[in-house]
Amino acid sequence: MAQPKKIRATYKNGVIEPLDKLNLPEGQELELEFKVLPSATSELSKEEKRADSENVRLNERHIGNYR
């Protein structure tokens, strides 16, 4: 069995597009295992938004004590 290879790719219009050149014959069947990487443009999860808004409230309250 061939050694696993890690590449970066994007997912667009229902298709996984490799960002690296692959030296494979056309039509080669692959088995993929992937993890979703964080994106600078992705939306925060509900939990992250809640934590951020709570931090803002705490900071505003803290700053208010020094005015």
PDB file of N, CA and C in Angstrom:
ATOM      1  N   MET A   1       0.841  -1.181   0.000  1.00  0.00           N
ATOM      2  CA  MET A   1       0.000   0.000   0.000  1.00  0.00           C
ATOM      3  C   MET A   1       0.888   1.248   0.000  1.00  0.00           C
ATOM      4  N   ALA A   2       0.497   2.264  -0.758  1.00  0.00           N
ATOM      5  CA  ALA A   2       1.279   3.491  -0.868  1.00  0.00           C
ATOM      6  C   ALA A   2       1.239   4.292   0.426  1.00  0.00           C
ATOM      7  N   GLN A   3       2.306   5.053   0.654  1.00  0.00           N
ATOM      8  CA  GLN A   3       2.418   5.916   1.828  1.00  0.00           C
ATOM      9  C   GLN A   3       1.408   7.061   1.725  1.00  0.00           C
ATOM     10  N   PRO A   4       0.683   7.401   2.812  1.00  0.00           N
ATOM     11  CA  PRO A   4      -0.256   8.526   2.764  1.00  0.00           C
ATOM     12  C   PRO A   4       0.477   9.840   2.469  1.00  0.00           C
ATOM     13  N   LYS A   5      -0.188  10.725   1.765  1.00  0.00           N
ATOM     14  CA  LYS A   5       0.384  12.027   1.441  1.00  0.00           C
ATOM     15  C   LYS A   5      -0.588  13.101   1.904  1.00  0.00           C
ATOM     16  N   LYS A   6      -0.053  14.144   2.539  1.00  0.00           N
ATOM     17  CA  LYS A   6      -0.880  15.249   3.010  1.00  0.00           C
ATOM     18  C   LYS A   6      -0.762  16.397   2.023  1.00  0.00           C
ATOM     19  N   ILE A   7      -1.904  16.941   1.598  1.00  0.00           N
ATOM     20  CA  ILE A   7      -1.924  18.105   0.721  1.00  0.00           C
ATOM     21  C   ILE A   7      -2.944  19.093   1.263  1.00  0.00           C
ATOM     22  N   ARG A   8      -2.851  20.337   0.807  1.00  0.00           N
ATOM     23  CA  ARG A   8      -3.862  21.338   1.135  1.00  0.00           C
ATOM     24  C   ARG A   8      -4.784  21.450  -0.071  1.00  0.00           C
ATOM     25  N   ALA A   9      -6.063  21.733   0.208  1.00  0.00           N
ATOM     26  CA  ALA A   9      -7.041  21.846  -0.863  1.00  0.00           C
ATOM     27  C   ALA A   9      -8.125  22.822  -0.435  1.00  0.00           C
ATOM     28  N   THR A  10      -8.910  23.254  -1.407  1.00  0.00           N
ATOM     29  CA  THR A  10     -10.082  24.066  -1.121  1.00  0.00           C
ATOM     30  C   THR A  10     -11.313  23.316  -1.602  1.00  0.00           C
ATOM     31  N   TYR A  11     -12.456  23.679  -1.045  1.00  0.00           N
ATOM     32  CA  TYR A  11     -13.727  23.084  -1.448  1.00  0.00           C
ATOM     33  C   TYR A  11     -14.556  24.188  -2.075  1.00  0.00           C
ATOM     34  N   LYS A  12     -14.917  24.030  -3.338  1.00  0.00           N
ATOM     35  CA  LYS A  12     -15.646  25.058  -4.054  1.00  0.00           C
ATOM     36  C   LYS A  12     -16.622  24.405  -5.031  1.00  0.00           C
ATOM     37  N   ASN A  13     -17.846  24.853  -4.998  1.00  0.00           N
ATOM     38  CA  ASN A  13     -18.886  24.349  -5.912  1.00  0.00           C
ATOM     39  C   ASN A  13     -19.000  22.828  -5.876  1.00  0.00           C
ATOM     40  N   GLY A  14     -18.877  22.251  -4.684  1.00  0.00           N
ATOM     41  CA  GLY A  14     -19.039  20.808  -4.528  1.00  0.00           C
ATOM     42  C   GLY A  14     -17.836  19.981  -4.950  1.00  0.00           C
ATOM     43  N   VAL A  15     -16.704  20.651  -5.222  1.00  0.00           N
ATOM     44  CA  VAL A  15     -15.512  19.943  -5.700  1.00  0.00           C
ATOM     45  C   VAL A  15     -14.324  20.282  -4.804  1.00  0.00           C
ATOM     46  N   ILE A  16     -13.556  19.275  -4.414  1.00  0.00           N
ATOM     47  CA  ILE A  16     -12.315  19.484  -3.668  1.00  0.00           C
ATOM     48  C   ILE A  16     -11.212  19.744  -4.679  1.00  0.00           C
ATOM     49  N   GLU A  17     -10.581  20.922  -4.580  1.00  0.00           N
ATOM     50  CA  GLU A  17      -9.535  21.316  -5.517  1.00  0.00           C
ATOM     51  C   GLU A  17      -8.182  21.360  -4.801  1.00  0.00           C
ATOM     52  N   PRO A  18      -7.239  20.498  -5.187  1.00  0.00           N
ATOM     53  CA  PRO A  18      -5.912  20.506  -4.562  1.00  0.00           C
ATOM     54  C   PRO A  18      -5.193  21.828  -4.811  1.00  0.00           C
ATOM     55  N   LEU A  19      -4.472  22.311  -3.802  1.00  0.00           N
ATOM     56  CA  LEU A  19      -3.631  23.496  -3.962  1.00  0.00           C
ATOM     57  C   LEU A  19      -2.218  23.089  -4.363  1.00  0.00           C
ATOM     58  N   ASP A  20      -1.902  21.816  -4.203  1.00  0.00           N
ATOM     59  CA  ASP A  20      -0.602  21.276  -4.587  1.00  0.00           C
ATOM     60  C   ASP A  20      -0.758  20.442  -5.865  1.00  0.00           C
ATOM     61  N   LYS A  21       0.306  20.367  -6.650  1.00  0.00           N
ATOM     62  CA  LYS A  21       0.286  19.534  -7.854  1.00  0.00           C
ATOM     63  C   LYS A  21       0.322  18.060  -7.433  1.00  0.00           C
ATOM     64  N   LEU A  22      -0.542  17.272  -8.041  1.00  0.00           N
ATOM     65  CA  LEU A  22      -0.589  15.842  -7.755  1.00  0.00           C
ATOM     66  C   LEU A  22      -0.030  15.079  -8.946  1.00  0.00           C
ATOM     67  N   ASN A  23       0.863  14.156  -8.678  1.00  0.00           N
ATOM     68  CA  ASN A  23       1.440  13.339  -9.736  1.00  0.00           C
ATOM     69  C   ASN A  23       0.660  12.026  -9.790  1.00  0.00           C
ATOM     70  N   LEU A  24      -0.571  12.110 -10.327  1.00  0.00           N
ATOM     71  CA  LEU A  24      -1.452  10.954 -10.392  1.00  0.00           C
ATOM     72  C   LEU A  24      -2.021  10.816 -11.794  1.00  0.00           C
ATOM     73  N   PRO A  25      -2.303   9.596 -12.206  1.00  0.00           N
ATOM     74  CA  PRO A  25      -2.958   9.417 -13.505  1.00  0.00           C
ATOM     75  C   PRO A  25      -4.402   9.922 -13.437  1.00  0.00           C
ATOM     76  N   GLU A  26      -4.878  10.461 -14.551  1.00  0.00           N
ATOM     77  CA  GLU A  26      -6.256  10.943 -14.644  1.00  0.00           C
ATOM     78  C   GLU A  26      -7.230   9.826 -14.272  1.00  0.00           C
ATOM     79  N   GLY A  27      -8.195  10.138 -13.438  1.00  0.00           N
ATOM     80  CA  GLY A  27      -9.205   9.157 -13.043  1.00  0.00           C
ATOM     81  C   GLY A  27      -8.786   8.275 -11.872  1.00  0.00           C
ATOM     82  N   GLN A  28      -7.602   8.506 -11.299  1.00  0.00           N
ATOM     83  CA  GLN A  28      -7.123   7.706 -10.171  1.00  0.00           C
ATOM     84  C   GLN A  28      -8.092   7.828  -8.998  1.00  0.00           C
ATOM     85  N   GLU A  29      -8.509   6.712  -8.449  1.00  0.00           N
ATOM     86  CA  GLU A  29      -9.381   6.706  -7.283  1.00  0.00           C
ATOM     87  C   GLU A  29      -8.540   6.946  -6.036  1.00  0.00           C
ATOM     88  N   LEU A  30      -9.074   7.773  -5.115  1.00  0.00           N
ATOM     89  CA  LEU A  30      -8.369   8.120  -3.889  1.00  0.00           C
ATOM     90  C   LEU A  30      -9.261   7.880  -2.681  1.00  0.00           C
ATOM     91  N   GLU A  31      -8.640   7.659  -1.557  1.00  0.00           N
ATOM     92  CA  GLU A  31      -9.354   7.630  -0.281  1.00  0.00           C
ATOM     93  C   GLU A  31      -8.912   8.862   0.483  1.00  0.00           C
ATOM     94  N   LEU A  32      -9.866   9.722   0.868  1.00  0.00           N
ATOM     95  CA  LEU A  32      -9.525  10.978   1.516  1.00  0.00           C
ATOM     96  C   LEU A  32      -9.928  10.978   2.980  1.00  0.00           C
ATOM     97  N   GLU A  33      -9.088  11.578   3.788  1.00  0.00           N
ATOM     98  CA  GLU A  33      -9.395  11.884   5.173  1.00  0.00           C
ATOM     99  C   GLU A  33      -9.023  13.355   5.329  1.00  0.00           C
ATOM    100  N   PHE A  34      -9.946  14.185   5.821  1.00  0.00           N
ATOM    101  CA  PHE A  34      -9.641  15.605   5.864  1.00  0.00           C
ATOM    102  C   PHE A  34     -10.024  16.231   7.192  1.00  0.00           C
ATOM    103  N   LYS A  35      -9.449  17.401   7.452  1.00  0.00           N
ATOM    104  CA  LYS A  35      -9.869  18.210   8.590  1.00  0.00           C
ATOM    105  C   LYS A  35     -10.087  19.619   8.069  1.00  0.00           C
ATOM    106  N   VAL A  36     -11.108  20.281   8.591  1.00  0.00           N
ATOM    107  CA  VAL A  36     -11.436  21.626   8.163  1.00  0.00           C
ATOM    108  C   VAL A  36     -10.513  22.588   8.903  1.00  0.00           C
ATOM    109  N   LEU A  37      -9.803  23.428   8.139  1.00  0.00           N
ATOM    110  CA  LEU A  37      -8.880  24.399   8.717  1.00  0.00           C
ATOM    111  C   LEU A  37      -9.609  25.711   8.969  1.00  0.00           C
ATOM    112  N   PRO A  38      -9.233  26.440  10.016  1.00  0.00           N
ATOM    113  CA  PRO A  38      -9.879  27.724  10.268  1.00  0.00           C
ATOM    114  C   PRO A  38      -9.577  28.697   9.137  1.00  0.00           C
ATOM    115  N   SER A  39     -10.527  29.530   8.849  1.00  0.00           N
ATOM    116  CA  SER A  39     -10.376  30.507   7.779  1.00  0.00           C
ATOM    117  C   SER A  39     -10.551  31.903   8.356  1.00  0.00           C
ATOM    118  N   ALA A  40      -9.768  32.841   7.893  1.00  0.00           N
ATOM    119  CA  ALA A  40      -9.874  34.223   8.370  1.00  0.00           C
ATOM    120  C   ALA A  40     -11.230  34.818   8.025  1.00  0.00           C
ATOM    121  N   THR A  41     -11.876  34.314   6.992  1.00  0.00           N
ATOM    122  CA  THR A  41     -13.160  34.875   6.577  1.00  0.00           C
ATOM    123  C   THR A  41     -14.343  34.073   7.091  1.00  0.00           C
ATOM    124  N   SER A  42     -14.093  32.966   7.784  1.00  0.00           N
ATOM    125  CA  SER A  42     -15.219  32.160   8.262  1.00  0.00           C
ATOM    126  C   SER A  42     -15.888  32.830   9.445  1.00  0.00           C
ATOM    127  N   GLU A  43     -17.174  32.551   9.595  1.00  0.00           N
ATOM    128  CA  GLU A  43     -17.926  33.121  10.700  1.00  0.00           C
ATOM    129  C   GLU A  43     -17.560  32.419  11.998  1.00  0.00           C
ATOM    130  N   LEU A  44     -17.641  33.169  13.088  1.00  0.00           N
ATOM    131  CA  LEU A  44     -17.406  32.579  14.388  1.00  0.00           C
ATOM    132  C   LEU A  44     -18.580  31.675  14.751  1.00  0.00           C
ATOM    133  N   SER A  45     -18.301  30.637  15.509  1.00  0.00           N
ATOM    134  CA  SER A  45     -19.365  29.779  15.998  1.00  0.00           C
ATOM    135  C   SER A  45     -20.199  30.548  17.012  1.00  0.00           C
ATOM    136  N   LYS A  46     -21.406  30.069  17.303  1.00  0.00           N
ATOM    137  CA  LYS A  46     -22.270  30.719  18.280  1.00  0.00           C
ATOM    138  C   LYS A  46     -21.568  30.826  19.629  1.00  0.00           C
ATOM    139  N   GLU A  47     -20.834  29.779  19.996  1.00  0.00           N
ATOM    140  CA  GLU A  47     -20.124  29.775  21.270  1.00  0.00           C
ATOM    141  C   GLU A  47     -19.030  30.844  21.288  1.00  0.00           C
ATOM    142  N   GLU A  48     -18.286  30.989  20.185  1.00  0.00           N
ATOM    143  CA  GLU A  48     -17.241  32.006  20.113  1.00  0.00           C
ATOM    144  C   GLU A  48     -17.840  33.413  20.152  1.00  0.00           C
ATOM    145  N   LYS A  49     -18.981  33.616  19.451  1.00  0.00           N
ATOM    146  CA  LYS A  49     -19.651  34.915  19.470  1.00  0.00           C
ATOM    147  C   LYS A  49     -20.109  35.257  20.879  1.00  0.00           C
ATOM    148  N   ARG A  50     -20.681  34.278  21.585  1.00  0.00           N
ATOM    149  CA  ARG A  50     -21.165  34.494  22.945  1.00  0.00           C
ATOM    150  C   ARG A  50     -19.991  34.861  23.859  1.00  0.00           C
ATOM    151  N   ALA A  51     -18.873  34.158  23.732  1.00  0.00           N
ATOM    152  CA  ALA A  51     -17.691  34.438  24.554  1.00  0.00           C
ATOM    153  C   ALA A  51     -17.145  35.828  24.239  1.00  0.00           C
ATOM    154  N   ASP A  52     -17.096  36.198  22.956  1.00  0.00           N
ATOM    155  CA  ASP A  52     -16.607  37.522  22.572  1.00  0.00           C
ATOM    156  C   ASP A  52     -17.488  38.624  23.139  1.00  0.00           C
ATOM    157  N   SER A  53     -18.815  38.469  23.038  1.00  0.00           N
ATOM    158  CA  SER A  53     -19.707  39.507  23.544  1.00  0.00           C
ATOM    159  C   SER A  53     -19.618  39.599  25.058  1.00  0.00           C
ATOM    160  N   GLU A  54     -19.420  38.489  25.737  1.00  0.00           N
ATOM    161  CA  GLU A  54     -19.264  38.497  27.194  1.00  0.00           C
ATOM    162  C   GLU A  54     -17.969  39.210  27.572  1.00  0.00           C
ATOM    163  N   ASN A  55     -16.893  38.988  26.836  1.00  0.00           N
ATOM    164  CA  ASN A  55     -15.623  39.679  27.094  1.00  0.00           C
ATOM    165  C   ASN A  55     -15.767  41.182  26.902  1.00  0.00           C
ATOM    166  N   VAL A  56     -16.516  41.600  25.877  1.00  0.00           N
ATOM    167  CA  VAL A  56     -16.731  43.028  25.635  1.00  0.00           C
ATOM    168  C   VAL A  56     -17.485  43.633  26.814  1.00  0.00           C
ATOM    169  N   ARG A  57     -18.538  42.958  27.278  1.00  0.00           N
ATOM    170  CA  ARG A  57     -19.310  43.467  28.425  1.00  0.00           C
ATOM    171  C   ARG A  57     -18.422  43.575  29.662  1.00  0.00           C
ATOM    172  N   LEU A  58     -17.607  42.569  29.919  1.00  0.00           N
ATOM    173  CA  LEU A  58     -16.730  42.601  31.085  1.00  0.00           C
ATOM    174  C   LEU A  58     -15.717  43.737  30.979  1.00  0.00           C
ATOM    175  N   ASN A  59     -15.145  43.926  29.779  1.00  0.00           N
ATOM    176  CA  ASN A  59     -14.179  45.002  29.576  1.00  0.00           C
ATOM    177  C   ASN A  59     -14.831  46.366  29.754  1.00  0.00           C
ATOM    178  N   GLU A  60     -16.046  46.542  29.224  1.00  0.00           N
ATOM    179  CA  GLU A  60     -16.744  47.812  29.369  1.00  0.00           C
ATOM    180  C   GLU A  60     -17.030  48.099  30.838  1.00  0.00           C
ATOM    181  N   ARG A  61     -17.436  47.079  31.563  1.00  0.00           N
ATOM    182  CA  ARG A  61     -17.715  47.236  32.984  1.00  0.00           C
ATOM    183  C   ARG A  61     -16.440  47.596  33.737  1.00  0.00           C
ATOM    184  N   HIS A  62     -15.328  46.921  33.382  1.00  0.00           N
ATOM    185  CA  HIS A  62     -14.042  47.159  34.036  1.00  0.00           C
ATOM    186  C   HIS A  62     -13.545  48.582  33.756  1.00  0.00           C
ATOM    187  N   ILE A  63     -13.634  49.020  32.500  1.00  0.00           N
ATOM    188  CA  ILE A  63     -13.189  50.355  32.123  1.00  0.00           C
ATOM    189  C   ILE A  63     -14.061  51.397  32.813  1.00  0.00           C
ATOM    190  N   GLY A  64     -15.352  51.144  32.920  1.00  0.00           N
ATOM    191  CA  GLY A  64     -16.268  52.071  33.573  1.00  0.00           C
ATOM    192  C   GLY A  64     -15.885  52.350  35.012  1.00  0.00           C
ATOM    193  N   ASN A  65     -15.250  51.400  35.685  1.00  0.00           N
ATOM    194  CA  ASN A  65     -14.838  51.585  37.070  1.00  0.00           C
ATOM    195  C   ASN A  65     -13.701  52.589  37.210  1.00  0.00           C
ATOM    196  N   TYR A  66     -12.996  52.888  36.132  1.00  0.00           N
ATOM    197  CA  TYR A  66     -11.851  53.795  36.189  1.00  0.00           C
ATOM    198  C   TYR A  66     -12.189  55.196  35.677  1.00  0.00           C
ATOM    199  N   ARG A  67     -13.416  55.402  35.256  1.00  0.00           N
ATOM    200  CA  ARG A  67     -13.797  56.726  34.720  1.00  0.00           C
ATOM    201  C   ARG A  67     -14.151  57.674  35.821  1.00  0.00           C
TER     202      ARG A  67
END
